[in-house]
Amino acid sequence: IGRFALDKKYTNKGLGSLILLNINYNIRNIAKEHIGIRFITVDGYAKAYTFYKKNNFKHFKKHDKDIKNLEKIKERDPEKTIYMYQDIQMIK
């Protein structure tokens, strides 16, 4: 997933999580039936880190230092890319 966003008038209503859940559901079905897929990755903005974390994505270890300073990064560069992933075999 390169970029995933909603119009501001739809944020904080759970719609983004529902759409992401639907994407995950479809990817899992494709993985089971057609091709091998193990991970979903996203190039998320620092300002969206909490959203992805809440939706079971984990950051790549190379971003450990960034995560420790996330609030400062969000102030300074909210569109800094943080690479995250989700193991679809771990989703129930």
C-alpha atoms as a PDB file:
ATOM      1  CA  ILE A   1       0.000   0.000   0.000  1.00  0.00           C
ATOM      2  CA  GLY A   2       1.808   3.124  -1.153  1.00  0.00           C
ATOM      3  CA  ARG A   3      -0.493   5.803   0.223  1.00  0.00           C
ATOM      4  CA  PHE A   4      -3.794   5.417   2.015  1.00  0.00           C
ATOM      5  CA  ALA A   5      -5.776   8.468   3.016  1.00  0.00           C
ATOM      6  CA  LEU A   6      -9.262   9.803   3.620  1.00  0.00           C
ATOM      7  CA  ASP A   7     -10.665  13.257   3.183  1.00  0.00           C
ATOM      8  CA  LYS A   8     -10.389  15.117   6.500  1.00  0.00           C
ATOM      9  CA  LYS A   9     -14.170  15.244   6.907  1.00  0.00           C
ATOM     10  CA  TYR A  10     -14.189  11.428   7.199  1.00  0.00           C
ATOM     11  CA  THR A  11     -11.324  11.014   9.665  1.00  0.00           C
ATOM     12  CA  ASN A  12     -11.700   9.753  13.238  1.00  0.00           C
ATOM     13  CA  LYS A  13     -14.953   7.955  12.435  1.00  0.00           C
ATOM     14  CA  GLY A  14     -13.536   4.446  11.998  1.00  0.00           C
ATOM     15  CA  LEU A  15     -13.982   4.493   8.223  1.00  0.00           C
ATOM     16  CA  GLY A  16     -10.249   4.223   7.491  1.00  0.00           C
ATOM     17  CA  SER A  17      -9.955   1.156   9.712  1.00  0.00           C
ATOM     18  CA  LEU A  18     -12.955  -0.453   7.993  1.00  0.00           C
ATOM     19  CA  ILE A  19     -11.495   0.180   4.550  1.00  0.00           C
ATOM     20  CA  LEU A  20      -8.110  -1.182   5.653  1.00  0.00           C
ATOM     21  CA  LEU A  21      -9.824  -4.241   7.143  1.00  0.00           C
ATOM     22  CA  ASN A  22     -11.538  -4.840   3.803  1.00  0.00           C
ATOM     23  CA  ILE A  23      -8.227  -4.506   1.955  1.00  0.00           C
ATOM     24  CA  ASN A  24      -6.650  -7.028   4.352  1.00  0.00           C
ATOM     25  CA  TYR A  25      -9.577  -9.435   3.907  1.00  0.00           C
ATOM     26  CA  ASN A  26      -9.233  -9.318   0.117  1.00  0.00           C
ATOM     27  CA  ILE A  27      -5.462  -9.733   0.212  1.00  0.00           C
ATOM     28  CA  ARG A  28      -5.792 -12.768   2.514  1.00  0.00           C
ATOM     29  CA  ASN A  29      -8.315 -14.335   0.128  1.00  0.00           C
ATOM     30  CA  ILE A  30      -6.064 -13.714  -2.864  1.00  0.00           C
ATOM     31  CA  ALA A  31      -3.146 -15.216  -0.922  1.00  0.00           C
ATOM     32  CA  LYS A  32      -5.134 -18.349  -0.072  1.00  0.00           C
ATOM     33  CA  GLU A  33      -6.580 -18.921  -3.526  1.00  0.00           C
ATOM     34  CA  HIS A  34      -4.150 -17.587  -6.105  1.00  0.00           C
ATOM     35  CA  ILE A  35      -0.665 -16.445  -5.123  1.00  0.00           C
ATOM     36  CA  GLY A  36       1.612 -16.489  -2.134  1.00  0.00           C
ATOM     37  CA  ILE A  37       1.503 -13.320  -0.060  1.00  0.00           C
ATOM     38  CA  ARG A  38       2.803 -13.197   3.483  1.00  0.00           C
ATOM     39  CA  PHE A  39       3.177  -9.511   4.318  1.00  0.00           C
ATOM     40  CA  ILE A  40       1.360  -6.286   3.564  1.00  0.00           C
ATOM     41  CA  THR A  41       3.639  -3.271   3.653  1.00  0.00           C
ATOM     42  CA  VAL A  42       2.801   0.399   3.821  1.00  0.00           C
ATOM     43  CA  ASP A  43       4.863   3.532   3.308  1.00  0.00           C
ATOM     44  CA  GLY A  44       3.040   5.508   5.987  1.00  0.00           C
ATOM     45  CA  TYR A  45       3.564   9.086   7.020  1.00  0.00           C
ATOM     46  CA  ALA A  46       4.802   9.740  10.539  1.00  0.00           C
ATOM     47  CA  LYS A  47       1.527  11.516  11.272  1.00  0.00           C
ATOM     48  CA  ALA A  48      -0.349   8.266  10.436  1.00  0.00           C
ATOM     49  CA  TYR A  49       1.864   5.958  12.527  1.00  0.00           C
ATOM     50  CA  THR A  50      -0.704   5.606  15.317  1.00  0.00           C
ATOM     51  CA  PHE A  51      -3.432   4.680  12.827  1.00  0.00           C
ATOM     52  CA  TYR A  52      -1.374   1.884  11.302  1.00  0.00           C
ATOM     53  CA  LYS A  53      -0.177   0.637  14.684  1.00  0.00           C
ATOM     54  CA  LYS A  54      -3.804   0.501  15.864  1.00  0.00           C
ATOM     55  CA  ASN A  55      -4.536  -1.602  12.764  1.00  0.00           C
ATOM     56  CA  ASN A  56      -1.862  -4.203  13.588  1.00  0.00           C
ATOM     57  CA  PHE A  57       1.012  -2.868  11.506  1.00  0.00           C
ATOM     58  CA  LYS A  58       4.527  -2.878  12.936  1.00  0.00           C
ATOM     59  CA  HIS A  59       7.374  -0.598  11.968  1.00  0.00           C
ATOM     60  CA  PHE A  60      10.569  -1.924  10.444  1.00  0.00           C
ATOM     61  CA  LYS A  61      13.432  -2.101  12.925  1.00  0.00           C
ATOM     62  CA  LYS A  62      15.337   0.559  10.996  1.00  0.00           C
ATOM     63  CA  HIS A  63      12.745   3.031  12.351  1.00  0.00           C
ATOM     64  CA  ASP A  64      13.230   2.210  16.051  1.00  0.00           C
ATOM     65  CA  LYS A  65      15.039   5.502  16.639  1.00  0.00           C
ATOM     66  CA  ASP A  66      12.363   7.442  14.731  1.00  0.00           C
ATOM     67  CA  ILE A  67       9.584   5.899  16.822  1.00  0.00           C
ATOM     68  CA  LYS A  68      11.308   6.978  20.034  1.00  0.00           C
ATOM     69  CA  ASN A  69      11.223  10.563  18.727  1.00  0.00           C
ATOM     70  CA  LEU A  70       7.913  10.305  16.892  1.00  0.00           C
ATOM     71  CA  GLU A  71       6.261  13.382  18.406  1.00  0.00           C
ATOM     72  CA  LYS A  72       9.202  15.579  17.433  1.00  0.00           C
ATOM     73  CA  ILE A  73       9.252  14.071  13.942  1.00  0.00           C
ATOM     74  CA  LYS A  74       5.504  14.642  13.499  1.00  0.00           C
ATOM     75  CA  GLU A  75       6.001  18.316  14.388  1.00  0.00           C
ATOM     76  CA  ARG A  76       9.074  18.782  12.209  1.00  0.00           C
ATOM     77  CA  ASP A  77       8.247  16.505   9.260  1.00  0.00           C
ATOM     78  CA  PRO A  78       4.755  14.925   9.493  1.00  0.00           C
ATOM     79  CA  GLU A  79       5.135  13.426   6.017  1.00  0.00           C
ATOM     80  CA  LYS A  80       8.353  11.558   6.820  1.00  0.00           C
ATOM     81  CA  THR A  81       7.879   8.018   5.581  1.00  0.00           C
ATOM     82  CA  ILE A  82       7.862   5.205   8.111  1.00  0.00           C
ATOM     83  CA  TYR A  83       7.858   1.750   6.578  1.00  0.00           C
ATOM     84  CA  MET A  84       5.484  -0.653   8.280  1.00  0.00           C
ATOM     85  CA  TYR A  85       4.288  -4.204   7.710  1.00  0.00           C
ATOM     86  CA  GLN A  86       1.633  -6.659   8.739  1.00  0.00           C
ATOM     87  CA  ASP A  87       2.018 -10.437   8.735  1.00  0.00           C
ATOM     88  CA  ILE A  88      -1.254 -11.644   7.218  1.00  0.00           C
ATOM     89  CA  GLN A  89      -0.766 -15.120   8.667  1.00  0.00           C
ATOM     90  CA  MET A  90      -1.027 -13.594  12.138  1.00  0.00           C
ATOM     91  CA  ILE A  91      -4.436 -12.012  11.477  1.00  0.00           C
ATOM     92  CA  LYS A  92      -7.338 -14.013  12.852  1.00  0.00           C
END
